[in-house]
Each structure stands twice: as C-alpha cells, then as structure tokens.
Amino acid sequence: MKTKKNKEAEIESFENAFKKLETIMHRLENEIPEYSIDRILEEYEEGVRLLKICRDKLRDAELRIEKIGTEDEGQK
C-alpha cells in the first residue's frame, strides 16, 4: 500500500521538484529576516520533502542506466 507521500513523489517530476526547491532556497537565503520561525520551518520541511523526491528520482534513473548497461553487456 502506498502512502500519500509516495503518491506525491510519483506525481512530482524531478524538474518541478528541483525548481520548487531552488525557489525555497532562494527565499530562505534572501527573505529570512521577514519570516517567522513557523514560516521558516514550513519552508524547510517542504524543502526536505522536495529534496527527497529529487534524490529518489535520481536514484531511479541511475538504476535504470545500470540496468541498460548490464543488458547491453549481456548481448555482446
């Protein structure tokens, strides 16, 4: 059974997650004096969620590349 977070990760593309993560990082770097501690924590939590999505997508891509390479070597 998939959790809500797993379903969100499947829907979110790497590119969209990365863009959102960049936006959050920019806001935290440049606008932090204007934020409350609660807002900073919300932004941080969202950033961690997006980072996990990006890492998972990259890991999946690496595994697919390895599989393709292994299949290619097996055909030689």
C-alpha atoms as a PDB file:
ATOM      1  CA  MET A   1       0.000   0.000   0.000  1.00  0.00           C
ATOM      2  CA  LYS A   2       1.418   3.379  -0.996  1.00  0.00           C
ATOM      3  CA  THR A   3       1.377   6.308   1.377  1.00  0.00           C
ATOM      4  CA  LYS A   4       0.261   9.802   0.458  1.00  0.00           C
ATOM      5  CA  LYS A   5       3.890  10.978   0.317  1.00  0.00           C
ATOM      6  CA  ASN A   6       4.835   8.133  -2.045  1.00  0.00           C
ATOM      7  CA  LYS A   7       1.977   9.066  -4.362  1.00  0.00           C
ATOM      8  CA  GLU A   8       3.049  12.737  -4.285  1.00  0.00           C
ATOM      9  CA  ALA A   9       6.606  11.736  -5.182  1.00  0.00           C
ATOM     10  CA  GLU A  10       5.366   9.760  -8.180  1.00  0.00           C
ATOM     11  CA  ILE A  11       3.325  12.697  -9.458  1.00  0.00           C
ATOM     12  CA  GLU A  12       6.006  15.343  -8.919  1.00  0.00           C
ATOM     13  CA  SER A  13       8.519  15.416 -11.746  1.00  0.00           C
ATOM     14  CA  PHE A  14      12.196  15.875 -10.994  1.00  0.00           C
ATOM     15  CA  GLU A  15      12.264  19.166 -12.871  1.00  0.00           C
ATOM     16  CA  ASN A  16       9.280  20.625 -10.987  1.00  0.00           C
ATOM     17  CA  ALA A  17      10.567  19.454  -7.616  1.00  0.00           C
ATOM     18  CA  PHE A  18      14.007  20.899  -8.351  1.00  0.00           C
ATOM     19  CA  LYS A  19      12.571  24.271  -9.436  1.00  0.00           C
ATOM     20  CA  LYS A  20      10.444  24.455  -6.293  1.00  0.00           C
ATOM     21  CA  LEU A  21      13.456  23.520  -4.169  1.00  0.00           C
ATOM     22  CA  GLU A  22      15.520  26.283  -5.796  1.00  0.00           C
ATOM     23  CA  THR A  23      12.732  28.772  -5.114  1.00  0.00           C
ATOM     24  CA  ILE A  24      12.556  27.781  -1.453  1.00  0.00           C
ATOM     25  CA  MET A  25      16.329  28.018  -1.095  1.00  0.00           C
ATOM     26  CA  HIS A  26      16.320  31.464  -2.684  1.00  0.00           C
ATOM     27  CA  ARG A  27      13.549  32.655  -0.376  1.00  0.00           C
ATOM     28  CA  LEU A  28      15.283  31.309   2.721  1.00  0.00           C
ATOM     29  CA  GLU A  29      18.599  32.876   1.704  1.00  0.00           C
ATOM     30  CA  ASN A  30      17.175  36.269   0.805  1.00  0.00           C
ATOM     31  CA  GLU A  31      13.950  36.781   2.725  1.00  0.00           C
ATOM     32  CA  ILE A  32      14.605  35.019   6.020  1.00  0.00           C
ATOM     33  CA  PRO A  33      14.582  38.198   8.152  1.00  0.00           C
ATOM     34  CA  GLU A  34      10.971  38.734   7.076  1.00  0.00           C
ATOM     35  CA  TYR A  35       9.846  35.236   8.089  1.00  0.00           C
ATOM     36  CA  SER A  36       8.520  33.953  11.377  1.00  0.00           C
ATOM     37  CA  ILE A  37      10.125  30.854  12.835  1.00  0.00           C
ATOM     38  CA  ASP A  38       6.991  28.887  11.880  1.00  0.00           C
ATOM     39  CA  ARG A  39       7.269  30.011   8.255  1.00  0.00           C
ATOM     40  CA  ILE A  40      10.975  29.117   8.179  1.00  0.00           C
ATOM     41  CA  LEU A  41      10.177  25.633   9.492  1.00  0.00           C
ATOM     42  CA  GLU A  42       7.395  25.174   6.924  1.00  0.00           C
ATOM     43  CA  GLU A  43       9.749  26.182   4.112  1.00  0.00           C
ATOM     44  CA  TYR A  44      12.461  23.889   5.468  1.00  0.00           C
ATOM     45  CA  GLU A  45      10.086  20.924   5.743  1.00  0.00           C
ATOM     46  CA  GLU A  46       8.882  21.454   2.177  1.00  0.00           C
ATOM     47  CA  GLY A  47      12.484  21.722   1.004  1.00  0.00           C
ATOM     48  CA  VAL A  48      13.363  18.418   2.673  1.00  0.00           C
ATOM     49  CA  ARG A  49      10.338  16.764   1.029  1.00  0.00           C
ATOM     50  CA  LEU A  50      11.342  18.082  -2.391  1.00  0.00           C
ATOM     51  CA  LEU A  51      14.965  17.068  -1.854  1.00  0.00           C
ATOM     52  CA  LYS A  52      13.836  13.514  -1.127  1.00  0.00           C
ATOM     53  CA  ILE A  53      11.807  13.464  -4.339  1.00  0.00           C
ATOM     54  CA  CYS A  54      14.825  14.669  -6.333  1.00  0.00           C
ATOM     55  CA  ARG A  55      17.136  12.116  -4.728  1.00  0.00           C
ATOM     56  CA  ASP A  56      14.655   9.299  -5.316  1.00  0.00           C
ATOM     57  CA  LYS A  57      14.209  10.272  -8.975  1.00  0.00           C
ATOM     58  CA  LEU A  58      17.982  10.441  -9.499  1.00  0.00           C
ATOM     59  CA  ARG A  59      18.475   7.082  -7.794  1.00  0.00           C
ATOM     60  CA  ASP A  60      15.814   5.529 -10.025  1.00  0.00           C
ATOM     61  CA  ALA A  61      17.481   6.997 -13.118  1.00  0.00           C
ATOM     62  CA  GLU A  62      20.867   5.630 -12.034  1.00  0.00           C
ATOM     63  CA  LEU A  63      19.372   2.168 -11.528  1.00  0.00           C
ATOM     64  CA  ARG A  64      17.767   2.266 -14.970  1.00  0.00           C
ATOM     65  CA  ILE A  65      21.083   3.319 -16.544  1.00  0.00           C
ATOM     66  CA  GLU A  66      22.901   0.484 -14.761  1.00  0.00           C
ATOM     67  CA  LYS A  67      20.255  -1.977 -15.942  1.00  0.00           C
ATOM     68  CA  ILE A  68      20.577  -0.787 -19.542  1.00  0.00           C
ATOM     69  CA  GLY A  69      24.364  -1.096 -19.331  1.00  0.00           C
ATOM     70  CA  THR A  70      24.105  -4.609 -17.917  1.00  0.00           C
ATOM     71  CA  GLU A  71      21.645  -5.673 -20.607  1.00  0.00           C
ATOM     72  CA  ASP A  72      23.885  -4.189 -23.293  1.00  0.00           C
ATOM     73  CA  GLU A  73      26.925  -6.066 -21.976  1.00  0.00           C
ATOM     74  CA  GLY A  74      24.924  -9.276 -21.874  1.00  0.00           C
ATOM     75  CA  GLN A  75      24.117  -9.002 -25.578  1.00  0.00           C
ATOM     76  CA  LYS A  76      27.803  -8.833 -26.607  1.00  0.00           C
END
